[in-house]
Amino acid sequence: MTSLHAWSNARIAGIAAPATLLVRGELIEWVGASADCPPSLRPDSTTDLGGTWMLPAFVDCHTHLVYGGSRLPEFVLRAQGASYAEIAQAGGGIVSTVRATRAMSEMALLAAALPRARALLAEGVTTLEIKSGYGLDLESERKMLRVARQLGDELGIDIRTSFLGAHALPPEFEGRADDYVDELCTLMLPTLAAEGLVDAVDAFCEHIAFTPGQVARVFETARELGLPVKLHAEQLSDRGGAELAARFGALSCEHLEYVSEAGIRAMAQAGTVAVLLPGAFYFLGETRKPPVAEFRRHGVPMAVATDLNPGSSPIASILTPLHMACTLFGLSPAEALDGVSVHGARALGLSDRGRLEAGALASFSLWSFDEPASLAYELGLHRPTQVMHRGRVVHSDGNIG
C-alpha cells in the first residue's frame, strides 16, 4: 500500500492549531487538529512545519498564457487616451497577437510561455486554465493547445485547455464572420477535440467580437461533442451573453462588468460561476465594476483569475488580482482566497481540489505570514516556501522539505 506521510504542526484555517494533514499518494487521507488524529493512521514519515500556514494550492481559471509577440505599443497608445475598442478597430488588439503567434514555432511559443507559467507556480498555482484564440486557424490553434499540454508536463501541474476559436475574426475572413463560424463548427473544433486537445469551449460575445447567435452555434457544436462551455460575457456591453451561457449550462461567465439582473439570475439557476478579472479592469482603466453585491445576493460563486494576456492583463501573478479583487471590487480577503481556490476549481468543472479535506487532491502550499488575509493586504511581500501538487513537491525555496 502507498506510504502515508504526515504534515504536522501546521496552521490551517478553521482547524485548531496545531493541525495535521496526512497524504497517501495523490490524495489527502485525513486532516484535522493533531490531537484528534486517529491512532490507526500511523504515518510512515513526518514533516514538522513548525507552525507554518498551509493553504489549498491556487487555481488560475482564466488565462491566455500562450501567445507570441508584445502589445507594449498599445499600452503606450492607451496611456495617450485610446480605448481598447479603438485599438482593435484600427488593426491592433487580438489580431496583432494572432499575427505574431502564427509566425512562431511551437518550440518558440513554449519557451515564451514557460516563464509566465513558472511565475504563477512560484505563487502557489498548480491548476491553470489556458485558452487558445490567438491562432484562429486550425494549425495555429493546434499549436497553441499542444504547447499548453506541454507546459503541464514540463512543470508537473494540471493544465485545462479551452478552445477559444471564437475570440476574434481572422483577417482572411474579414466581412465573413458567419463563414468563419462555419469553419469553427465543422472543421476546427471537431478536429481538435478528436485529438484530445480541448477540455472546454469558450467564446467572446461582444460588439467587437461575435454575436449571441454566432456563439450559440459554437456552443451547439460543443454540446454535440460533449464539451462544457464558458463565455467571455458582458465585459464592454450587455449582449445577453450570461443568459445564453446559462442556457447551455456553462461552467463560468467571465468579466461580467455589464451583466444584467436577468443574467445573474440565469447564472444562479444554472450553477454558473462568475469569474472576476480585476487585472483587465485595472489595466484598461475601466470604471464599471461587476455587480459583486448582486452575485452574493443570488448565491453566484465568484472566482478570481489573472486573465494573463498580452493586451489587457499582462499580469503573471495570482496574488495581484487576489489583492485587486478586494481593493477594487470589494471582496473580503476570505472571498478572494476562495475565488482563487475552490471557486476557481469549480469554474473549470473540477471538484477534487481547492480545499483541504479528506479525499481531495494533495495540492497545497506552505506560507509564513500571520494570517491568510495578509495575502490580500501586503501586495508583493509573500511567496510560498513550498508548493505540493498531487502529493509531490513542484516548487520549493529550499527551506522546507
Protein backbone atom coordinates (compact mmCIF):
# COMPACT_ATOMS: atom_id res chain seq x y z
CA MET A 1 0.00 0.00 0.00
CA THR A 2 1.16 3.55 -0.72
CA SER A 3 3.03 5.08 2.23
CA LEU A 4 1.34 7.61 4.48
CA HIS A 5 3.10 10.94 5.09
CA ALA A 6 2.16 13.40 7.83
CA TRP A 7 2.49 17.16 7.64
CA SER A 8 2.32 18.09 11.30
CA ASN A 9 2.30 21.23 13.43
CA ALA A 10 0.60 23.22 10.68
CA ARG A 11 -1.80 26.14 10.81
CA ILE A 12 -4.92 25.51 8.72
CA ALA A 13 -7.90 27.85 8.58
CA GLY A 14 -10.84 26.51 10.58
CA ILE A 15 -8.81 23.88 12.42
CA ALA A 16 -7.41 24.25 15.91
CA ALA A 17 -3.62 24.57 15.89
CA PRO A 18 -1.53 22.52 15.76
CA ALA A 19 -3.09 20.75 12.79
CA THR A 20 -2.03 17.65 10.91
CA LEU A 21 -2.63 16.70 7.28
CA LEU A 22 -1.99 13.13 6.12
CA VAL A 23 -1.18 12.36 2.48
CA ARG A 24 -1.33 8.99 0.79
CA GLY A 25 -0.30 9.01 -2.86
CA GLU A 26 -2.03 11.89 -4.64
CA LEU A 27 -4.80 12.38 -2.09
CA ILE A 28 -5.38 13.80 1.36
CA GLU A 29 -6.13 10.89 3.70
CA TRP A 30 -7.09 12.92 6.78
CA VAL A 31 -6.87 16.48 8.07
CA GLY A 32 -7.72 18.00 11.45
CA ALA A 33 -6.41 19.03 14.84
CA SER A 34 -3.35 16.97 15.67
CA ALA A 35 -4.90 15.85 18.97
CA ASP A 36 -7.81 14.28 17.05
CA CYS A 37 -5.74 12.24 14.61
CA PRO A 38 -6.97 8.61 14.73
CA PRO A 39 -4.36 6.30 16.29
CA SER A 40 -4.92 3.83 13.45
CA LEU A 41 -3.43 6.34 10.98
CA ARG A 42 0.23 5.88 11.71
CA PRO A 43 2.37 7.81 9.21
CA ASP A 44 5.44 6.25 7.67
CA SER A 45 7.16 9.65 7.71
CA THR A 46 6.51 13.12 9.08
CA THR A 47 7.38 16.71 8.19
CA ASP A 48 7.13 19.14 11.12
CA LEU A 49 6.02 22.52 9.73
CA GLY A 50 6.74 24.45 12.91
CA GLY A 51 3.50 26.44 12.78
CA THR A 52 3.69 27.28 9.06
CA TRP A 53 0.40 28.12 7.38
CA MET A 54 -1.00 25.62 4.86
CA LEU A 55 -3.40 26.76 2.12
CA PRO A 56 -5.02 24.89 -0.76
CA ALA A 57 -2.94 25.25 -3.91
CA PHE A 58 -4.32 28.01 -6.11
CA VAL A 59 -6.30 27.67 -9.33
CA ASP A 60 -5.95 30.29 -12.07
CA CYS A 61 -9.13 29.59 -14.03
CA HIS A 62 -8.78 32.18 -16.81
CA THR A 63 -5.56 32.82 -18.75
CA HIS A 64 -4.39 33.38 -22.31
CA LEU A 65 -0.86 32.41 -21.32
CA VAL A 66 0.36 31.01 -24.67
CA TYR A 67 0.94 33.78 -27.20
CA GLY A 68 3.55 35.41 -29.40
CA GLY A 69 4.80 38.97 -29.55
CA SER A 70 4.17 42.00 -27.36
CA ARG A 71 1.44 44.63 -27.16
CA LEU A 72 3.60 47.25 -25.49
CA PRO A 73 2.88 49.83 -28.26
CA GLU A 74 -0.84 49.55 -27.47
CA PHE A 75 -0.09 50.19 -23.80
CA VAL A 76 1.53 53.45 -24.88
CA LEU A 77 -1.49 54.35 -27.04
CA ARG A 78 -3.88 53.72 -24.16
CA ALA A 79 -1.76 55.97 -21.97
CA GLN A 80 -2.43 58.65 -24.59
CA GLY A 81 -6.18 58.11 -24.42
CA ALA A 82 -7.02 55.43 -26.99
CA SER A 83 -9.65 52.88 -25.93
CA TYR A 84 -9.39 49.10 -26.18
CA ALA A 85 -12.16 49.08 -28.82
CA GLU A 86 -10.49 51.85 -30.87
CA ILE A 87 -7.18 49.97 -30.92
CA ALA A 88 -8.92 46.76 -32.00
CA GLN A 89 -10.82 48.53 -34.78
CA ALA A 90 -7.54 50.02 -36.08
CA GLY A 91 -5.99 46.58 -36.57
CA GLY A 92 -4.40 46.19 -33.16
CA GLY A 93 -5.68 44.20 -30.26
CA ILE A 94 -6.22 40.47 -30.56
CA VAL A 95 -5.49 40.36 -34.29
CA SER A 96 -1.98 41.77 -33.79
CA THR A 97 -1.23 38.94 -31.37
CA VAL A 98 -2.65 36.47 -33.90
CA ARG A 99 -0.08 37.60 -36.47
CA ALA A 100 2.78 37.18 -34.01
CA THR A 101 1.53 33.82 -32.72
CA ARG A 102 1.07 32.36 -36.19
CA ALA A 103 4.65 33.32 -37.05
CA MET A 104 6.21 31.49 -34.07
CA SER A 105 7.18 27.83 -33.94
CA GLU A 106 5.76 25.52 -31.32
CA MET A 107 9.15 25.39 -29.61
CA ALA A 108 9.40 29.19 -29.53
CA LEU A 109 5.89 29.51 -28.11
CA LEU A 110 6.75 27.01 -25.38
CA ALA A 111 9.93 28.88 -24.49
CA ALA A 112 7.99 32.17 -24.27
CA ALA A 113 5.20 30.66 -22.17
CA LEU A 114 7.33 28.80 -19.63
CA PRO A 115 8.43 31.89 -17.63
CA ARG A 116 4.82 33.03 -17.30
CA ALA A 117 3.67 29.64 -16.05
CA ARG A 118 6.64 29.37 -13.70
CA ALA A 119 5.77 32.77 -12.22
CA LEU A 120 2.27 31.54 -11.39
CA LEU A 121 3.60 28.29 -9.94
CA ALA A 122 6.00 30.25 -7.73
CA GLU A 123 2.93 31.91 -6.14
CA GLY A 124 1.18 28.61 -5.48
CA VAL A 125 -0.81 27.94 -8.67
CA THR A 126 -0.93 24.23 -9.53
CA THR A 127 -4.04 24.18 -11.74
CA LEU A 128 -4.11 26.52 -14.69
CA GLU A 129 -6.57 27.14 -17.49
CA ILE A 130 -5.08 28.19 -20.84
CA LYS A 131 -7.23 29.41 -23.70
CA SER A 132 -6.37 29.24 -27.38
CA GLY A 133 -7.69 32.01 -29.63
CA TYR A 134 -4.51 33.67 -30.88
CA GLY A 135 -4.20 31.27 -33.81
CA LEU A 136 -7.65 31.45 -35.43
CA ASP A 137 -6.80 28.76 -37.98
CA LEU A 138 -6.56 25.02 -37.47
CA GLU A 139 -2.78 24.66 -37.44
CA SER A 140 -2.14 27.67 -35.21
CA GLU A 141 -4.87 26.77 -32.72
CA ARG A 142 -3.49 23.22 -32.61
CA LYS A 143 -0.01 24.62 -31.97
CA MET A 144 -1.24 26.72 -29.03
CA LEU A 145 -3.14 23.84 -27.45
CA ARG A 146 -0.20 21.47 -27.83
CA VAL A 147 2.05 24.00 -26.07
CA ALA A 148 -0.49 24.25 -23.24
CA ARG A 149 -0.37 20.48 -22.76
CA GLN A 150 3.45 20.54 -22.82
CA LEU A 151 3.54 23.18 -20.08
CA GLY A 152 1.72 20.84 -17.74
CA ASP A 153 4.16 18.03 -18.48
CA GLU A 154 7.16 20.33 -18.05
CA LEU A 155 6.10 21.80 -14.69
CA GLY A 156 4.20 18.89 -13.14
CA ILE A 157 0.97 20.89 -12.82
CA ASP A 158 -2.53 20.46 -14.27
CA ILE A 159 -3.44 22.43 -17.38
CA ARG A 160 -7.04 22.70 -18.55
CA THR A 161 -7.42 23.89 -22.13
CA SER A 162 -10.26 25.99 -23.52
CA PHE A 163 -10.75 26.28 -27.27
CA LEU A 164 -11.36 29.98 -27.95
CA GLY A 165 -11.51 29.98 -31.72
CA ALA A 166 -14.41 32.45 -31.45
CA HIS A 167 -12.10 35.09 -29.98
CA ALA A 168 -11.77 37.46 -32.93
CA LEU A 169 -12.35 37.40 -36.68
CA PRO A 170 -9.12 36.48 -38.52
CA PRO A 171 -8.05 38.83 -41.33
CA GLU A 172 -8.69 36.27 -44.07
CA PHE A 173 -12.36 36.15 -43.03
CA GLU A 174 -12.90 39.90 -42.88
CA GLY A 175 -16.57 40.64 -43.52
CA ARG A 176 -17.42 36.91 -43.40
CA ALA A 177 -17.99 36.18 -39.75
CA ASP A 178 -20.65 33.53 -40.41
CA ASP A 179 -18.30 31.69 -42.77
CA TYR A 180 -15.63 31.68 -40.07
CA VAL A 181 -18.10 30.32 -37.52
CA ASP A 182 -18.94 27.59 -40.04
CA GLU A 183 -15.25 26.65 -40.18
CA LEU A 184 -15.04 26.65 -36.38
CA CYS A 185 -18.01 24.32 -36.09
CA THR A 186 -17.33 21.94 -38.98
CA LEU A 187 -13.52 21.72 -39.02
CA MET A 188 -11.53 23.32 -36.24
CA LEU A 189 -13.39 22.34 -33.09
CA PRO A 190 -14.28 18.76 -34.11
CA THR A 191 -10.71 18.10 -35.26
CA LEU A 192 -9.01 19.47 -32.17
CA ALA A 193 -11.49 17.76 -29.86
CA ALA A 194 -10.84 14.43 -31.59
CA GLU A 195 -7.11 14.95 -30.98
CA GLY A 196 -7.73 15.29 -27.24
CA LEU A 197 -6.57 18.90 -27.10
CA VAL A 198 -9.79 20.54 -25.85
CA ASP A 199 -11.22 20.38 -22.32
CA ALA A 200 -13.82 23.16 -22.74
CA VAL A 201 -15.08 25.64 -25.32
CA ASP A 202 -15.06 29.42 -24.83
CA ALA A 203 -16.16 32.38 -26.95
CA PHE A 204 -16.06 36.19 -26.86
CA CYS A 205 -19.62 37.54 -27.07
CA GLU A 206 -19.23 41.28 -27.63
CA HIS A 207 -19.87 44.04 -30.15
CA ILE A 208 -16.22 43.85 -31.26
CA ALA A 209 -16.30 40.05 -31.45
CA PHE A 210 -19.19 37.59 -32.02
CA THR A 211 -22.95 37.88 -31.77
CA PRO A 212 -25.07 35.77 -29.43
CA GLY A 213 -26.39 33.85 -32.43
CA GLN A 214 -22.89 33.01 -33.64
CA VAL A 215 -21.81 31.98 -30.15
CA ALA A 216 -24.88 29.75 -29.85
CA ARG A 217 -23.77 27.87 -32.98
CA VAL A 218 -20.34 27.26 -31.44
CA PHE A 219 -21.93 26.11 -28.20
CA GLU A 220 -24.27 23.73 -30.04
CA THR A 221 -21.19 22.13 -31.61
CA ALA A 222 -19.55 21.88 -28.19
CA ARG A 223 -22.68 20.19 -26.84
CA GLU A 224 -22.65 17.66 -29.70
CA LEU A 225 -19.01 16.88 -28.87
CA GLY A 226 -19.73 16.50 -25.15
CA LEU A 227 -17.62 19.50 -24.15
CA PRO A 228 -18.55 22.04 -21.44
CA VAL A 229 -18.69 25.73 -22.31
CA LYS A 230 -17.53 29.02 -20.82
CA LEU A 231 -18.06 32.58 -22.05
CA HIS A 232 -16.37 35.96 -22.12
CA ALA A 233 -19.57 37.84 -21.33
CA GLU A 234 -20.64 41.42 -20.71
CA GLN A 235 -17.14 42.90 -20.48
CA LEU A 236 -17.84 46.02 -22.57
CA SER A 237 -21.62 45.89 -23.03
CA ASP A 238 -24.64 43.76 -22.19
CA ARG A 239 -25.26 41.35 -25.08
CA GLY A 240 -27.28 38.83 -23.11
CA GLY A 241 -24.28 36.53 -23.02
CA ALA A 242 -24.82 35.40 -19.44
CA GLU A 243 -28.35 34.19 -20.21
CA LEU A 244 -27.05 32.46 -23.35
CA ALA A 245 -24.25 30.74 -21.47
CA ALA A 246 -26.58 29.66 -18.67
CA ARG A 247 -28.91 28.12 -21.21
CA PHE A 248 -26.04 25.83 -22.20
CA GLY A 249 -25.17 25.05 -18.56
CA ALA A 250 -21.90 26.99 -18.76
CA LEU A 251 -19.21 26.32 -16.19
CA SER A 252 -18.49 30.04 -15.99
CA CYS A 253 -19.10 33.51 -17.33
CA GLU A 254 -16.08 35.78 -17.24
CA HIS A 255 -15.61 39.57 -16.86
CA LEU A 256 -19.32 40.50 -16.33
CA GLU A 257 -18.98 44.22 -15.67
CA TYR A 258 -22.21 44.86 -17.63
CA VAL A 259 -24.20 41.77 -16.66
CA SER A 260 -27.90 42.34 -16.03
CA GLU A 261 -30.08 41.16 -13.17
CA ALA A 262 -31.63 38.65 -15.56
CA GLY A 263 -28.18 37.36 -16.45
CA ILE A 264 -27.27 36.93 -12.78
CA ARG A 265 -30.48 35.05 -12.07
CA ALA A 266 -29.85 32.76 -15.04
CA MET A 267 -26.31 32.06 -13.83
CA ALA A 268 -27.57 31.26 -10.35
CA GLN A 269 -30.14 28.81 -11.68
CA ALA A 270 -27.57 27.11 -13.93
CA GLY A 271 -24.85 26.93 -11.26
CA THR A 272 -22.55 29.03 -13.43
CA VAL A 273 -19.53 30.62 -11.72
CA ALA A 274 -18.80 34.34 -12.11
CA VAL A 275 -15.10 34.75 -12.91
CA LEU A 276 -13.91 38.21 -11.87
CA LEU A 277 -10.90 39.63 -13.70
CA PRO A 278 -9.79 42.76 -11.86
CA GLY A 279 -6.45 42.84 -13.69
CA ALA A 280 -8.13 43.65 -17.01
CA PHE A 281 -10.45 46.15 -15.29
CA TYR A 282 -7.40 47.88 -13.81
CA PHE A 283 -5.14 47.71 -16.85
CA LEU A 284 -7.77 49.05 -19.25
CA GLY A 285 -8.80 51.83 -16.85
CA GLU A 286 -12.41 50.71 -16.75
CA THR A 287 -14.86 52.30 -14.32
CA ARG A 288 -17.89 49.99 -14.31
CA LYS A 289 -17.42 47.24 -11.73
CA PRO A 290 -19.03 43.81 -11.79
CA PRO A 291 -22.10 43.65 -9.51
CA VAL A 292 -20.49 41.77 -6.62
CA ALA A 293 -23.34 42.51 -4.20
CA GLU A 294 -25.85 41.00 -6.64
CA PHE A 295 -23.72 37.89 -7.11
CA ARG A 296 -23.71 37.49 -3.34
CA ARG A 297 -27.45 38.07 -3.07
CA HIS A 298 -28.24 35.44 -5.71
CA GLY A 299 -25.66 32.96 -4.44
CA VAL A 300 -23.47 33.02 -7.55
CA PRO A 301 -19.96 31.75 -6.66
CA MET A 302 -17.20 34.22 -7.52
CA ALA A 303 -13.84 33.04 -8.83
CA VAL A 304 -10.87 35.36 -9.28
CA ALA A 305 -8.26 34.92 -12.02
CA THR A 306 -5.36 36.69 -13.70
CA ASP A 307 -6.69 36.89 -17.29
CA LEU A 308 -2.97 36.77 -18.15
CA ASN A 309 -2.71 38.00 -21.74
CA PRO A 310 -0.58 40.46 -23.73
CA GLY A 311 -3.20 43.13 -24.37
CA SER A 312 -5.46 43.76 -21.41
CA SER A 313 -3.91 41.98 -18.42
CA PRO A 314 -0.18 41.18 -18.73
CA ILE A 315 -0.13 40.04 -15.10
CA ALA A 316 1.72 36.80 -14.34
CA SER A 317 0.74 36.87 -10.66
CA ILE A 318 -2.28 35.28 -8.96
CA LEU A 319 -1.67 37.36 -5.81
CA THR A 320 -2.14 40.63 -7.72
CA PRO A 321 -5.77 40.00 -8.78
CA LEU A 322 -6.43 38.49 -5.35
CA HIS A 323 -5.42 41.85 -3.87
CA MET A 324 -7.30 43.81 -6.56
CA ALA A 325 -10.49 41.81 -6.04
CA CYS A 326 -10.55 43.21 -2.51
CA THR A 327 -9.37 46.76 -3.19
CA LEU A 328 -11.22 47.36 -6.48
CA PHE A 329 -14.27 45.07 -6.36
CA GLY A 330 -14.97 44.88 -2.62
CA LEU A 331 -14.49 41.18 -1.98
CA SER A 332 -13.42 40.19 1.51
CA PRO A 333 -9.99 38.52 1.80
CA ALA A 334 -11.76 35.22 2.55
CA GLU A 335 -13.93 35.57 -0.57
CA ALA A 336 -10.89 36.38 -2.69
CA LEU A 337 -8.99 33.36 -1.35
CA ASP A 338 -11.98 31.13 -2.13
CA GLY A 339 -12.01 32.76 -5.56
CA VAL A 340 -8.50 31.52 -6.37
CA SER A 341 -9.08 28.07 -4.88
CA VAL A 342 -12.40 26.26 -4.53
CA HIS A 343 -14.44 28.56 -6.81
CA GLY A 344 -11.64 28.76 -9.36
CA ALA A 345 -11.67 24.96 -9.48
CA ARG A 346 -15.45 24.94 -9.86
CA ALA A 347 -15.15 27.32 -12.83
CA LEU A 348 -13.13 24.58 -14.53
CA GLY A 349 -15.56 21.82 -13.61
CA LEU A 350 -13.16 20.40 -11.00
CA SER A 351 -14.46 19.26 -7.63
CA ASP A 352 -11.36 17.43 -6.38
CA ARG A 353 -9.22 20.44 -5.40
CA GLY A 354 -9.23 23.93 -3.94
CA ARG A 355 -9.85 22.77 -0.39
CA LEU A 356 -8.04 20.86 2.34
CA GLU A 357 -10.20 17.87 3.22
CA ALA A 358 -10.05 14.10 3.08
CA GLY A 359 -10.42 12.76 -0.45
CA ALA A 360 -9.25 15.96 -2.17
CA LEU A 361 -6.03 16.14 -4.16
CA ALA A 362 -2.95 16.65 -2.01
CA SER A 363 -2.33 20.03 -3.60
CA PHE A 364 -1.34 22.73 -1.13
CA SER A 365 1.17 25.47 -0.40
CA LEU A 366 3.09 26.49 2.72
CA TRP A 367 3.38 30.12 3.82
CA SER A 368 4.99 32.26 6.50
CA PHE A 369 2.57 35.04 7.46
CA ASP A 370 0.44 35.99 10.43
CA GLU A 371 -2.85 35.02 8.77
CA PRO A 372 -4.10 34.26 5.25
CA ALA A 373 -5.68 37.72 4.83
CA SER A 374 -2.08 39.01 4.64
CA LEU A 375 -2.00 37.85 1.01
CA ALA A 376 -4.70 40.37 0.10
CA TYR A 377 -3.24 43.08 2.34
CA GLU A 378 0.51 43.04 1.72
CA LEU A 379 0.99 43.01 -2.03
CA GLY A 380 4.39 41.78 -3.18
CA LEU A 381 5.67 40.61 0.19
CA HIS A 382 4.72 36.92 0.37
CA ARG A 383 5.67 33.79 -1.59
CA PRO A 384 5.07 30.17 -0.62
CA THR A 385 8.03 28.29 0.81
CA GLN A 386 6.84 25.09 -0.85
CA VAL A 387 4.13 24.04 -3.28
CA MET A 388 2.78 20.50 -3.47
CA HIS A 389 0.62 19.04 -6.23
CA ARG A 390 -0.80 15.52 -6.26
CA GLY A 391 1.42 14.66 -3.31
CA ARG A 392 4.66 15.81 -4.94
CA VAL A 393 6.80 18.92 -4.49
CA VAL A 394 6.51 21.08 -7.63
CA HIS A 395 8.12 24.25 -6.25
CA SER A 396 10.30 24.98 -3.24
CA ASP A 397 12.53 27.75 -1.94
CA GLY A 398 14.73 25.09 -0.34
CA ASN A 399 13.86 25.89 3.28
CA ILE A 400 11.28 23.15 3.93
CA GLY A 401 11.01 19.52 2.95
